[in-house]
C-alpha atoms as a PDB file:
ATOM      1  CA  MET A   1      -0.281  -0.067   0.096  1.00  0.00           C
ATOM      2  CA  LYS A   2       2.613   2.224   1.199  1.00  0.00           C
ATOM      3  CA  THR A   3       4.094   2.192  -2.548  1.00  0.00           C
ATOM      4  CA  LEU A   4       2.100   2.505  -4.853  1.00  0.00           C
ATOM      5  CA  ILE A   5       0.811   5.504  -2.439  1.00  0.00           C
ATOM      6  CA  ASP A   6       4.359   6.678  -3.347  1.00  0.00           C
ATOM      7  CA  ARG A   7       4.011   5.632  -6.772  1.00  0.00           C
ATOM      8  CA  ILE A   8       0.963   7.508  -7.553  1.00  0.00           C
ATOM      9  CA  PHE A   9       1.852  10.812  -5.878  1.00  0.00           C
ATOM     10  CA  ARG A  10       4.832  10.464  -8.088  1.00  0.00           C
ATOM     11  CA  ALA A  11       2.975  10.783 -10.818  1.00  0.00           C
ATOM     12  CA  SER A  12       3.111  14.080 -13.229  1.00  0.00           C
ATOM     13  CA  VAL A  13      -0.223  15.030 -12.244  1.00  0.00           C
ATOM     14  CA  PHE A  14       1.485  15.529  -8.683  1.00  0.00           C
ATOM     15  CA  LEU A  15       4.551  17.406  -9.959  1.00  0.00           C
ATOM     16  CA  PRO A  16       3.097  21.206  -8.941  1.00  0.00           C
ATOM     17  CA  LEU A  17       2.402  19.924  -5.285  1.00  0.00           C
ATOM     18  CA  ARG A  18       5.948  18.063  -4.574  1.00  0.00           C
ATOM     19  CA  ILE A  19       7.601  21.597  -6.109  1.00  0.00           C
ATOM     20  CA  PHE A  20       5.674  23.584  -2.724  1.00  0.00           C
ATOM     21  CA  LEU A  21       6.092  20.995  -0.657  1.00  0.00           C
ATOM     22  CA  SER A  22       9.208  20.923  -1.177  1.00  0.00           C
ATOM     23  CA  PHE A  23       9.875  24.810  -0.932  1.00  0.00           C
ATOM     24  CA  PHE A  24       8.262  24.854   2.619  1.00  0.00           C
ATOM     25  CA  TYR A  25      10.417  21.775   3.880  1.00  0.00           C
ATOM     26  CA  ALA A  26      13.619  22.814   2.333  1.00  0.00           C
ATOM     27  CA  LEU A  27      12.536  26.442   4.569  1.00  0.00           C
ATOM     28  CA  ALA A  28      12.295  24.001   7.774  1.00  0.00           C
ATOM     29  CA  VAL A  29      15.026  22.750   7.241  1.00  0.00           C
ATOM     30  CA  GLY A  30      17.402  25.612   6.407  1.00  0.00           C
ATOM     31  CA  ILE A  31      15.750  27.701   9.851  1.00  0.00           C
ATOM     32  CA  ARG A  32      16.548  24.657  12.341  1.00  0.00           C
ATOM     33  CA  ASN A  33      20.288  24.220  10.453  1.00  0.00           C
ATOM     34  CA  LYS A  34      20.767  28.163  11.255  1.00  0.00           C
ATOM     35  CA  CYS A  35      19.457  27.487  14.821  1.00  0.00           C
ATOM     36  CA  TYR A  36      21.839  24.929  15.131  1.00  0.00           C
ATOM     37  CA  ASP A  37      25.194  27.499  13.004  1.00  0.00           C
ATOM     38  CA  VAL A  38      24.116  30.516  15.213  1.00  0.00           C
ATOM     39  CA  GLY A  39      23.944  28.531  19.316  1.00  0.00           C
ATOM     40  CA  VAL A  40      20.519  29.404  19.645  1.00  0.00           C
ATOM     41  CA  ILE A  41      20.221  25.603  19.932  1.00  0.00           C
ATOM     42  CA  LYS A  42      23.220  24.210  20.765  1.00  0.00           C
ATOM     43  CA  THR A  43      24.887  20.671  20.213  1.00  0.00           C
ATOM     44  CA  GLN A  44      25.557  17.934  22.882  1.00  0.00           C
ATOM     45  CA  HIS A  45      28.814  16.181  24.211  1.00  0.00           C
ATOM     46  CA  VAL A  46      28.320  13.038  25.476  1.00  0.00           C
ATOM     47  CA  GLY A  47      32.304  12.837  26.848  1.00  0.00           C
ATOM     48  CA  ILE A  48      33.532  10.431  24.208  1.00  0.00           C
ATOM     49  CA  PRO A  49      34.654  10.433  21.025  1.00  0.00           C
ATOM     50  CA  ILE A  50      32.196  10.500  18.043  1.00  0.00           C
ATOM     51  CA  LEU A  51      32.791  10.367  15.201  1.00  0.00           C
ATOM     52  CA  SER A  52      28.908  10.415  12.229  1.00  0.00           C
ATOM     53  CA  VAL A  53      28.601   8.927   9.455  1.00  0.00           C
ATOM     54  CA  GLY A  54      25.458   9.984   7.127  1.00  0.00           C
ATOM     55  CA  ASN A  55      24.471  11.294   3.704  1.00  0.00           C
ATOM     56  CA  ILE A  56      22.220  14.383   1.229  1.00  0.00           C
ATOM     57  CA  SER A  57      20.074  12.077  -0.147  1.00  0.00           C
ATOM     58  CA  VAL A  58      17.703  10.219   0.817  1.00  0.00           C
ATOM     59  CA  GLY A  59      18.403   6.043  -0.233  1.00  0.00           C
ATOM     60  CA  GLY A  60      21.723   4.011  -0.027  1.00  0.00           C
ATOM     61  CA  THR A  61      24.609   6.059  -0.662  1.00  0.00           C
ATOM     62  CA  GLY A  62      27.426   2.988   1.356  1.00  0.00           C
ATOM     63  CA  LYS A  63      26.928   4.495   4.964  1.00  0.00           C
ATOM     64  CA  THR A  64      26.799   0.685   6.442  1.00  0.00           C
ATOM     65  CA  ILE A  65      29.093  -0.545   4.425  1.00  0.00           C
ATOM     66  CA  LEU A  66      31.298   2.865   5.440  1.00  0.00           C
ATOM     67  CA  SER A  67      30.335   2.431   9.068  1.00  0.00           C
ATOM     68  CA  GLN A  68      31.757  -1.464   9.159  1.00  0.00           C
ATOM     69  CA  ALA A  69      35.110  -0.815   7.321  1.00  0.00           C
ATOM     70  CA  LEU A  70      35.567   2.363  10.126  1.00  0.00           C
ATOM     71  CA  ALA A  71      34.233   0.330  13.004  1.00  0.00           C
ATOM     72  CA  ARG A  72      37.192  -2.950  11.346  1.00  0.00           C
ATOM     73  CA  TYR A  73      39.609   0.590  11.339  1.00  0.00           C
ATOM     74  CA  PHE A  74      39.533   1.098  15.122  1.00  0.00           C
ATOM     75  CA  GLN A  75      39.186  -2.383  16.312  1.00  0.00           C
ATOM     76  CA  ASP A  76      42.467  -2.830  14.150  1.00  0.00           C
ATOM     77  CA  LYS A  77      44.281   0.247  16.229  1.00  0.00           C
ATOM     78  CA  GLY A  78      43.372  -1.404  19.287  1.00  0.00           C
ATOM     79  CA  GLN A  79      40.359   0.684  19.776  1.00  0.00           C
ATOM     80  CA  ARG A  80      37.077  -0.311  21.197  1.00  0.00           C
ATOM     81  CA  PRO A  81      34.334   1.244  18.674  1.00  0.00           C
ATOM     82  CA  ALA A  82      30.265   0.826  19.837  1.00  0.00           C
ATOM     83  CA  ILE A  83      27.710   2.241  16.696  1.00  0.00           C
ATOM     84  CA  LEU A  84      24.642   4.163  17.730  1.00  0.00           C
ATOM     85  CA  SER A  85      22.105   4.241  15.126  1.00  0.00           C
ATOM     86  CA  ARG A  86      18.100   4.928  15.456  1.00  0.00           C
ATOM     87  CA  GLY A  87      16.847   1.967  13.761  1.00  0.00           C
ATOM     88  CA  TYR A  88      14.883   3.238  11.067  1.00  0.00           C
ATOM     89  CA  GLY A  89      12.513   1.082  10.297  1.00  0.00           C
ATOM     90  CA  ARG A  90      12.188  -0.977  13.331  1.00  0.00           C
ATOM     91  CA  LYS A  91       8.641  -2.345  15.226  1.00  0.00           C
ATOM     92  CA  SER A  92      10.220  -1.681  18.919  1.00  0.00           C
ATOM     93  CA  ARG A  93      10.597   2.730  20.081  1.00  0.00           C
ATOM     94  CA  GLY A  94      13.462   3.317  22.736  1.00  0.00           C
ATOM     95  CA  LEU A  95      17.041   2.183  23.425  1.00  0.00           C
ATOM     96  CA  GLN A  96      17.348  -1.259  22.197  1.00  0.00           C
ATOM     97  CA  ILE A  97      20.550  -3.197  22.678  1.00  0.00           C
ATOM     98  CA  VAL A  98      21.514  -5.238  19.354  1.00  0.00           C
ATOM     99  CA  SER A  99      25.182  -6.244  20.360  1.00  0.00           C
ATOM    100  CA  ASP A 100      26.211  -6.265  23.565  1.00  0.00           C
ATOM    101  CA  GLY A 101      30.094  -7.218  22.025  1.00  0.00           C
ATOM    102  CA  SER A 102      29.459 -10.719  22.906  1.00  0.00           C
ATOM    103  CA  HIS A 103      26.100 -11.948  21.637  1.00  0.00           C
ATOM    104  CA  VAL A 104      23.585  -9.811  19.012  1.00  0.00           C
ATOM    105  CA  ILE A 105      20.106  -9.876  21.894  1.00  0.00           C
ATOM    106  CA  SER A 106      17.843  -8.521  19.677  1.00  0.00           C
ATOM    107  CA  SER A 107      15.881  -9.263  16.544  1.00  0.00           C
ATOM    108  CA  VAL A 108      16.678  -7.689  13.159  1.00  0.00           C
ATOM    109  CA  SER A 109      12.721  -6.272  13.507  1.00  0.00           C
ATOM    110  CA  ASP A 110      13.240  -5.236  17.101  1.00  0.00           C
ATOM    111  CA  SER A 111      16.820  -3.397  15.544  1.00  0.00           C
ATOM    112  CA  GLY A 112      16.125  -2.618  11.966  1.00  0.00           C
ATOM    113  CA  ASP A 113      18.064  -4.147   9.313  1.00  0.00           C
ATOM    114  CA  GLU A 114      20.793  -2.017   9.373  1.00  0.00           C
ATOM    115  CA  PRO A 115      22.256  -2.504  11.947  1.00  0.00           C
ATOM    116  CA  PHE A 116      20.835  -5.973  13.055  1.00  0.00           C
ATOM    117  CA  LEU A 117      23.807  -6.317   9.474  1.00  0.00           C
ATOM    118  CA  MET A 118      26.041  -4.429  11.893  1.00  0.00           C
ATOM    119  CA  ALA A 119      25.993  -7.193  14.833  1.00  0.00           C
ATOM    120  CA  LYS A 120      25.985  -9.541  13.281  1.00  0.00           C
ATOM    121  CA  ASN A 121      29.105  -8.720  11.463  1.00  0.00           C
ATOM    122  CA  LEU A 122      31.356  -7.299  14.147  1.00  0.00           C
ATOM    123  CA  PRO A 123      31.656  -9.424  16.887  1.00  0.00           C
ATOM    124  CA  GLY A 124      33.087  -7.398  20.129  1.00  0.00           C
ATOM    125  CA  VAL A 125      31.012  -4.063  19.037  1.00  0.00           C
ATOM    126  CA  PRO A 126      28.163  -2.852  20.967  1.00  0.00           C
ATOM    127  CA  VAL A 127      25.629  -1.973  18.819  1.00  0.00           C
ATOM    128  CA  LEU A 128      22.026   0.363  20.287  1.00  0.00           C
ATOM    129  CA  VAL A 129      19.774   1.896  18.529  1.00  0.00           C
ATOM    130  CA  ALA A 130      17.617   4.807  19.681  1.00  0.00           C
ATOM    131  CA  GLU A 131      15.541   7.655  18.257  1.00  0.00           C
ATOM    132  CA  ASP A 132      17.300   9.888  21.586  1.00  0.00           C
ATOM    133  CA  ARG A 133      21.202  10.056  19.656  1.00  0.00           C
ATOM    134  CA  VAL A 134      22.391  11.649  23.309  1.00  0.00           C
ATOM    135  CA  ALA A 135      20.993   9.635  25.465  1.00  0.00           C
ATOM    136  CA  GLY A 136      21.814   6.125  23.006  1.00  0.00           C
ATOM    137  CA  ALA A 137      25.807   8.082  23.096  1.00  0.00           C
ATOM    138  CA  LYS A 138      25.547   8.118  27.355  1.00  0.00           C
ATOM    139  CA  HIS A 139      24.859   5.136  27.466  1.00  0.00           C
ATOM    140  CA  ILE A 140      27.151   3.694  25.733  1.00  0.00           C
ATOM    141  CA  ASN A 141      29.793   5.657  27.901  1.00  0.00           C
ATOM    142  CA  GLU A 142      28.240   4.599  31.136  1.00  0.00           C
ATOM    143  CA  HIS A 143      27.904   0.649  30.341  1.00  0.00           C
ATOM    144  CA  PHE A 144      30.439  -0.288  28.000  1.00  0.00           C
ATOM    145  CA  SER A 145      33.727   0.217  27.369  1.00  0.00           C
ATOM    146  CA  SER A 146      33.757   2.020  24.454  1.00  0.00           C
ATOM    147  CA  ASP A 147      36.288   4.730  22.913  1.00  0.00           C
ATOM    148  CA  VAL A 148      35.065   6.188  20.270  1.00  0.00           C
ATOM    149  CA  ILE A 149      31.208   5.686  18.968  1.00  0.00           C
ATOM    150  CA  ILE A 150      30.345   5.549  15.426  1.00  0.00           C
ATOM    151  CA  LEU A 151      26.659   7.284  14.983  1.00  0.00           C
ATOM    152  CA  ASP A 152      25.884   5.462  11.546  1.00  0.00           C
ATOM    153  CA  ASP A 153      23.197   7.821   9.485  1.00  0.00           C
ATOM    154  CA  ALA A 154      23.673  11.145  11.513  1.00  0.00           C
ATOM    155  CA  PHE A 155      24.513  14.365   9.125  1.00  0.00           C
ATOM    156  CA  GLN A 156      21.056  15.482  10.105  1.00  0.00           C
ATOM    157  CA  HIS A 157      20.652  14.471  13.708  1.00  0.00           C
ATOM    158  CA  ARG A 158      22.712  17.941  14.773  1.00  0.00           C
ATOM    159  CA  ARG A 159      21.549  18.209  18.776  1.00  0.00           C
ATOM    160  CA  ILE A 160      24.488  15.527  19.755  1.00  0.00           C
ATOM    161  CA  HIS A 161      28.278  17.013  19.063  1.00  0.00           C
ATOM    162  CA  ARG A 162      30.621  14.924  16.852  1.00  0.00           C
ATOM    163  CA  ASP A 163      34.262  15.057  16.743  1.00  0.00           C
ATOM    164  CA  LEU A 164      34.251  14.215  12.509  1.00  0.00           C
ATOM    165  CA  ASP A 165      30.782  14.417  10.425  1.00  0.00           C
ATOM    166  CA  ILE A 166      31.542  12.606   6.906  1.00  0.00           C
ATOM    167  CA  LEU A 167      29.557  12.903   4.261  1.00  0.00           C
ATOM    168  CA  LEU A 168      28.905  10.495   1.563  1.00  0.00           C
ATOM    169  CA  LEU A 169      27.665  11.800  -1.930  1.00  0.00           C
ATOM    170  CA  ASP A 170      25.551   9.283  -4.026  1.00  0.00           C
ATOM    171  CA  ASN A 171      28.039  10.102  -7.507  1.00  0.00           C
ATOM    172  CA  SER A 172      26.110   7.251  -9.762  1.00  0.00           C
ATOM    173  CA  GLY A 173      23.824  10.394 -11.096  1.00  0.00           C
ATOM    174  CA  LEU A 174      20.819   8.640 -10.286  1.00  0.00           C
ATOM    175  CA  VAL A 175      20.127  11.185  -7.460  1.00  0.00           C
ATOM    176  CA  ARG A 176      17.873  13.815  -7.973  1.00  0.00           C
ATOM    177  CA  SER A 177      19.523  17.253  -7.311  1.00  0.00           C
ATOM    178  CA  HIS A 178      16.030  18.514  -5.441  1.00  0.00           C
ATOM    179  CA  VAL A 179      14.570  18.666  -1.495  1.00  0.00           C
ATOM    180  CA  LEU A 180      11.920  16.146  -0.724  1.00  0.00           C
ATOM    181  CA  PRO A 181       9.174  14.979  -1.991  1.00  0.00           C
ATOM    182  CA  TRP A 182      10.247  16.824  -5.426  1.00  0.00           C
ATOM    183  CA  GLY A 183      13.295  15.261  -5.362  1.00  0.00           C
ATOM    184  CA  HIS A 184      15.536  12.729  -3.511  1.00  0.00           C
ATOM    185  CA  LEU A 185      17.382  15.167  -0.839  1.00  0.00           C
ATOM    186  CA  ARG A 186      17.030  15.589   2.463  1.00  0.00           C
ATOM    187  CA  GLU A 187      18.588  19.274   3.304  1.00  0.00           C
ATOM    188  CA  ASN A 188      19.848  21.650  -0.343  1.00  0.00           C
ATOM    189  CA  MET A 189      23.412  20.915  -1.693  1.00  0.00           C
ATOM    190  CA  ASP A 190      24.800  23.798   0.635  1.00  0.00           C
ATOM    191  CA  ALA A 191      24.078  21.958   4.052  1.00  0.00           C
ATOM    192  CA  THR A 192      27.794  20.122   3.072  1.00  0.00           C
ATOM    193  CA  LYS A 193      29.764  22.758   3.912  1.00  0.00           C
ATOM    194  CA  ARG A 194      29.261  21.295   7.468  1.00  0.00           C
ATOM    195  CA  ALA A 195      30.378  18.179   6.551  1.00  0.00           C
ATOM    196  CA  ASP A 196      34.518  17.473   7.694  1.00  0.00           C
ATOM    197  CA  MET A 197      35.219  15.425   4.798  1.00  0.00           C
ATOM    198  CA  ILE A 198      32.845  14.425   1.940  1.00  0.00           C
ATOM    199  CA  LEU A 199      33.493  11.178   0.288  1.00  0.00           C
ATOM    200  CA  THR A 200      31.839  10.085  -3.378  1.00  0.00           C
ATOM    201  CA  THR A 201      30.423   6.399  -3.631  1.00  0.00           C
ATOM    202  CA  LYS A 202      29.322   4.545  -7.090  1.00  0.00           C
ATOM    203  CA  SER A 203      30.497   6.561  -9.470  1.00  0.00           C
ATOM    204  CA  ALA A 204      30.106   4.591 -12.734  1.00  0.00           C
ATOM    205  CA  ILE A 205      34.128   5.143 -12.960  1.00  0.00           C
ATOM    206  CA  SER A 206      35.612   4.036 -10.016  1.00  0.00           C
ATOM    207  CA  ASN A 207      39.144   5.457  -9.012  1.00  0.00           C
ATOM    208  CA  THR A 208      38.123   8.746 -10.353  1.00  0.00           C
ATOM    209  CA  ASP A 209      38.430  10.261  -6.849  1.00  0.00           C
ATOM    210  CA  ASP A 210      41.206   9.944  -3.825  1.00  0.00           C
ATOM    211  CA  HIS A 211      38.012  10.525  -1.786  1.00  0.00           C
ATOM    212  CA  GLU A 212      35.639   8.050  -3.645  1.00  0.00           C
ATOM    213  CA  PHE A 213      34.851   5.459  -0.656  1.00  0.00           C
ATOM    214  CA  LEU A 214      35.442   2.730  -3.522  1.00  0.00           C
ATOM    215  CA  LEU A 215      32.785  -0.885  -2.865  1.00  0.00           C
ATOM    216  CA  THR A 216      33.800  -4.323  -4.232  1.00  0.00           C
ATOM    217  CA  PRO A 217      31.872  -6.884  -4.544  1.00  0.00           C
ATOM    218  CA  GLY A 218      32.624  -9.916  -2.733  1.00  0.00           C
ATOM    219  CA  ASN A 219      34.802 -13.212  -5.280  1.00  0.00           C
ATOM    220  CA  MET A 220      31.959 -15.647  -3.110  1.00  0.00           C
ATOM    221  CA  LEU A 221      28.596 -15.698  -3.173  1.00  0.00           C
ATOM    222  CA  VAL A 222      27.142 -16.847   0.470  1.00  0.00           C
ATOM    223  CA  ASN A 223      24.542 -18.991   1.950  1.00  0.00           C
ATOM    224  CA  TYR A 224      22.123 -18.809   4.451  1.00  0.00           C
ATOM    225  CA  GLN A 225      24.123 -21.267   6.639  1.00  0.00           C
ATOM    226  CA  GLY A 226      27.258 -18.744   5.550  1.00  0.00           C
ATOM    227  CA  GLN A 227      28.987 -21.235   3.503  1.00  0.00           C
ATOM    228  CA  SER A 228      30.456 -19.671   0.424  1.00  0.00           C
ATOM    229  CA  VAL A 229      29.993 -20.424  -3.115  1.00  0.00           C
ATOM    230  CA  GLY A 230      31.603 -20.192  -6.111  1.00  0.00           C
ATOM    231  CA  LEU A 231      30.735 -17.596  -8.417  1.00  0.00           C
ATOM    232  CA  GLU A 232      30.874 -19.861 -11.468  1.00  0.00           C
ATOM    233  CA  GLU A 233      28.574 -21.980 -10.112  1.00  0.00           C
ATOM    234  CA  VAL A 234      25.826 -19.129 -10.797  1.00  0.00           C
ATOM    235  CA  ARG A 235      26.949 -19.264 -14.473  1.00  0.00           C
ATOM    236  CA  GLY A 236      23.988 -19.463 -16.651  1.00  0.00           C
ATOM    237  CA  GLY A 237      19.907 -18.362 -15.290  1.00  0.00           C
ATOM    238  CA  PHE A 238      19.323 -16.689 -12.151  1.00  0.00           C
ATOM    239  CA  GLY A 239      17.252 -13.973 -11.173  1.00  0.00           C
ATOM    240  CA  VAL A 240      18.309 -11.219  -8.345  1.00  0.00           C
ATOM    241  CA  PHE A 241      16.139  -9.305  -5.800  1.00  0.00           C
ATOM    242  CA  SER A 242      17.202  -6.201  -3.500  1.00  0.00           C
ATOM    243  CA  GLY A 243      15.030  -3.612  -1.551  1.00  0.00           C
ATOM    244  CA  LEU A 244      17.820  -0.936  -1.102  1.00  0.00           C
ATOM    245  CA  GLY A 245      17.793   2.327  -1.737  1.00  0.00           C
ATOM    246  CA  ASN A 246      19.418   2.218  -4.805  1.00  0.00           C
ATOM    247  CA  ASN A 247      18.722  -1.272  -6.718  1.00  0.00           C
ATOM    248  CA  ALA A 248      19.828  -0.247  -9.954  1.00  0.00           C
ATOM    249  CA  TYR A 249      23.392   0.345  -9.181  1.00  0.00           C
ATOM    250  CA  PHE A 250      23.220  -3.320  -7.035  1.00  0.00           C
ATOM    251  CA  PHE A 251      21.527  -4.828 -10.015  1.00  0.00           C
ATOM    252  CA  ARG A 252      24.539  -3.477 -11.862  1.00  0.00           C
ATOM    253  CA  MET A 253      27.289  -4.378 -10.161  1.00  0.00           C
ATOM    254  CA  VAL A 254      25.772  -8.522 -10.415  1.00  0.00           C
ATOM    255  CA  GLU A 255      26.118  -7.637 -14.037  1.00  0.00           C
ATOM    256  CA  ASP A 256      29.144  -6.705 -14.544  1.00  0.00           C
ATOM    257  CA  HIS A 257      31.167  -8.719 -11.417  1.00  0.00           C
ATOM    258  CA  ILE A 258      28.374 -12.135 -12.122  1.00  0.00           C
ATOM    259  CA  ALA A 259      26.757 -12.046 -15.579  1.00  0.00           C
ATOM    260  CA  ALA A 260      22.886 -10.520 -16.552  1.00  0.00           C
ATOM    261  CA  PRO A 261      20.892 -11.753 -14.756  1.00  0.00           C
ATOM    262  CA  SER A 262      17.554 -13.611 -16.332  1.00  0.00           C
ATOM    263  CA  PHE A 263      15.036 -11.322 -14.475  1.00  0.00           C
ATOM    264  CA  MET A 264      15.697  -8.372 -11.942  1.00  0.00           C
ATOM    265  CA  VAL A 265      12.930  -7.888  -9.282  1.00  0.00           C
ATOM    266  CA  SER A 266      13.190  -4.048  -7.444  1.00  0.00           C
ATOM    267  CA  LEU A 267      11.558  -4.181  -3.557  1.00  0.00           C
ATOM    268  CA  PRO A 268      11.440  -0.521  -1.609  1.00  0.00           C
ATOM    269  CA  ASP A 269      14.146  -0.099   1.011  1.00  0.00           C
ATOM    270  CA  HIS A 270      14.271  -2.007   3.980  1.00  0.00           C
ATOM    271  CA  CYS A 271      11.679  -4.229   2.560  1.00  0.00           C
ATOM    272  CA  ASP A 272       9.668  -6.801   5.463  1.00  0.00           C
ATOM    273  CA  TYR A 273       9.498  -9.187   2.416  1.00  0.00           C
ATOM    274  CA  THR A 274       5.701 -10.251   3.451  1.00  0.00           C
ATOM    275  CA  ASP A 275       3.665 -12.185   1.182  1.00  0.00           C
ATOM    276  CA  ALA A 276       2.831  -9.456  -1.040  1.00  0.00           C
ATOM    277  CA  ASP A 277       6.922  -8.098  -0.997  1.00  0.00           C
ATOM    278  CA  LEU A 278       7.945 -12.745  -2.082  1.00  0.00           C
ATOM    279  CA  ALA A 279       4.736 -12.719  -4.342  1.00  0.00           C
ATOM    280  CA  ARG A 280       6.443 -10.350  -6.601  1.00  0.00           C
ATOM    281  CA  ILE A 281      10.054 -12.764  -6.707  1.00  0.00           C
ATOM    282  CA  PRO A 282       9.256 -15.553  -9.491  1.00  0.00           C
ATOM    283  CA  PHE A 283      11.306 -17.734  -7.927  1.00  0.00           C
ATOM    284  CA  HIS A 284      10.407 -21.172  -9.537  1.00  0.00           C
ATOM    285  CA  LYS A 285      11.654 -19.211 -13.007  1.00  0.00           C
ATOM    286  CA  THR A 286      15.472 -20.033 -12.195  1.00  0.00           C
ATOM    287  CA  SER A 287      17.097 -22.244  -9.731  1.00  0.00           C
ATOM    288  CA  PHE A 288      19.513 -19.826  -8.491  1.00  0.00           C
ATOM    289  CA  TRP A 289      18.808 -16.077  -6.479  1.00  0.00           C
ATOM    290  CA  VAL A 290      21.206 -13.458  -6.152  1.00  0.00           C
ATOM    291  CA  THR A 291      20.670 -10.511  -3.214  1.00  0.00           C
ATOM    292  CA  THR A 292      22.005  -8.670  -0.443  1.00  0.00           C
ATOM    293  CA  GLN A 293      23.330  -9.410   2.649  1.00  0.00           C
ATOM    294  CA  LYS A 294      20.566  -6.760   4.087  1.00  0.00           C
ATOM    295  CA  ASP A 295      17.883  -8.839   2.164  1.00  0.00           C
ATOM    296  CA  MET A 296      19.410 -12.341   3.210  1.00  0.00           C
ATOM    297  CA  ILE A 297      18.753 -11.839   6.916  1.00  0.00           C
ATOM    298  CA  LYS A 298      14.852 -10.389   6.970  1.00  0.00           C
ATOM    299  CA  LEU A 299      14.036 -13.903   4.738  1.00  0.00           C
ATOM    300  CA  PRO A 300      12.924 -17.602   6.714  1.00  0.00           C
ATOM    301  CA  GLU A 301      15.888 -19.911   6.132  1.00  0.00           C
ATOM    302  CA  ALA A 302      13.433 -22.844   5.000  1.00  0.00           C
ATOM    303  CA  LEU A 303      12.886 -20.046   1.683  1.00  0.00           C
ATOM    304  CA  CYS A 304      16.317 -19.879   1.054  1.00  0.00           C
ATOM    305  CA  ASP A 305      17.164 -23.626   0.833  1.00  0.00           C
ATOM    306  CA  GLN A 306      14.193 -24.272  -1.365  1.00  0.00           C
ATOM    307  CA  HIS A 307      15.011 -21.005  -3.833  1.00  0.00           C
ATOM    308  CA  ASN A 308      18.628 -21.514  -3.640  1.00  0.00           C
ATOM    309  CA  ILE A 309      18.932 -17.699  -2.459  1.00  0.00           C
ATOM    310  CA  LEU A 310      22.701 -16.675  -1.954  1.00  0.00           C
ATOM    311  CA  TYR A 311      23.972 -13.048  -1.185  1.00  0.00           C
ATOM    312  CA  LEU A 312      26.591 -11.183  -2.954  1.00  0.00           C
ATOM    313  CA  GLY A 313      28.367  -9.346  -0.186  1.00  0.00           C
ATOM    314  CA  VAL A 314      30.592  -5.260  -0.288  1.00  0.00           C
ATOM    315  CA  GLU A 315      32.878  -4.465   1.292  1.00  0.00           C
ATOM    316  CA  GLY A 316      34.906  -1.015   1.639  1.00  0.00           C
ATOM    317  CA  THR A 317      38.053   0.817   0.716  1.00  0.00           C
ATOM    318  CA  LEU A 318      38.916   3.977   3.195  1.00  0.00           C
ATOM    319  CA  PRO A 319      40.715   6.292   1.408  1.00  0.00           C
ATOM    320  CA  ARG A 320      43.939   7.641   2.275  1.00  0.00           C
ATOM    321  CA  PRO A 321      42.394  11.469   2.736  1.00  0.00           C
ATOM    322  CA  LEU A 322      39.762  10.143   5.542  1.00  0.00           C
ATOM    323  CA  LEU A 323      43.217   7.502   7.077  1.00  0.00           C
ATOM    324  CA  ALA A 324      44.883  10.549   7.870  1.00  0.00           C
ATOM    325  CA  ARG A 325      41.909  11.973   9.258  1.00  0.00           C
ATOM    326  CA  LEU A 326      41.273   9.453  11.616  1.00  0.00           C
ATOM    327  CA  LYS A 327      44.229   8.997  12.377  1.00  0.00           C
ATOM    328  CA  HIS A 328      44.897  12.901  13.449  1.00  0.00           C
ATOM    329  CA  HIS A 329      41.055  13.071  15.418  1.00  0.00           C
ATOM    330  CA  PHE A 330      41.169   9.634  17.115  1.00  0.00           C
ATOM    331  CA  LYS A 331      44.497   8.318  18.322  1.00  0.00           C
END
């Protein structure tokens, strides 16, 4: 129903309304930002170094992958990072501990898909979700031995002080440069000036910018049991589906890295995989299906086994300028 309403609203007949609403939304966001800029609204310190990862557009730019790469960087340096997210799309409210650093103790529905994914992928890293990031950060500072907090998807969350503000910009050319609901931007592009560092992602040509956060697909596919499957096993007919902010980019990655899929099914970002969602995927048409790990964690294991669903992992490489800033800010 939500997808249907969105499609109707995106029809050309509603363009004047979207432009009208976009103007007032941008005005409200601009006033709020100005209040922070001049100190009318104060930011709060929580007594622990804070690093923020965010974007300015709706949809995926690789924030989760960057947050994971940063957490591993700090772990490799002998530090004790924690991750704090809002937990977009979760069914719970308030502060939730997704992982205490030793065990994943929450469900994907109560955590949100991205925090749950990070908790599974980052043993030793506490992962928490909270709408109130200040309260969440204070909880980490008081109850965990963490020495740095990574704020996931927090560029617009200005109430909490951060020591380094990283902004990811989608460089794929698929983002419309207007503010919601006319385009895909959460705020005007002049907001990029407050970022300490801007990284680009999803460039059509990789390695064209030393500030590019390069996303690299893995050399193996992985099943729901965590077992690796060689790429040669999916040569031939297979399908691909995903529920991301930018499904087209993932589909291109699969085609470039594996082969052209026979079927491509694009689902809404943070898709819950209800019966209606699953009914859109023609599982009976081919023997293999490729998706993302973020999508895989929301699927029943029996379904993954029955239809031979595999995920293609994606890693990110921290660019040299960012590594230099990390060494400077978080010694």
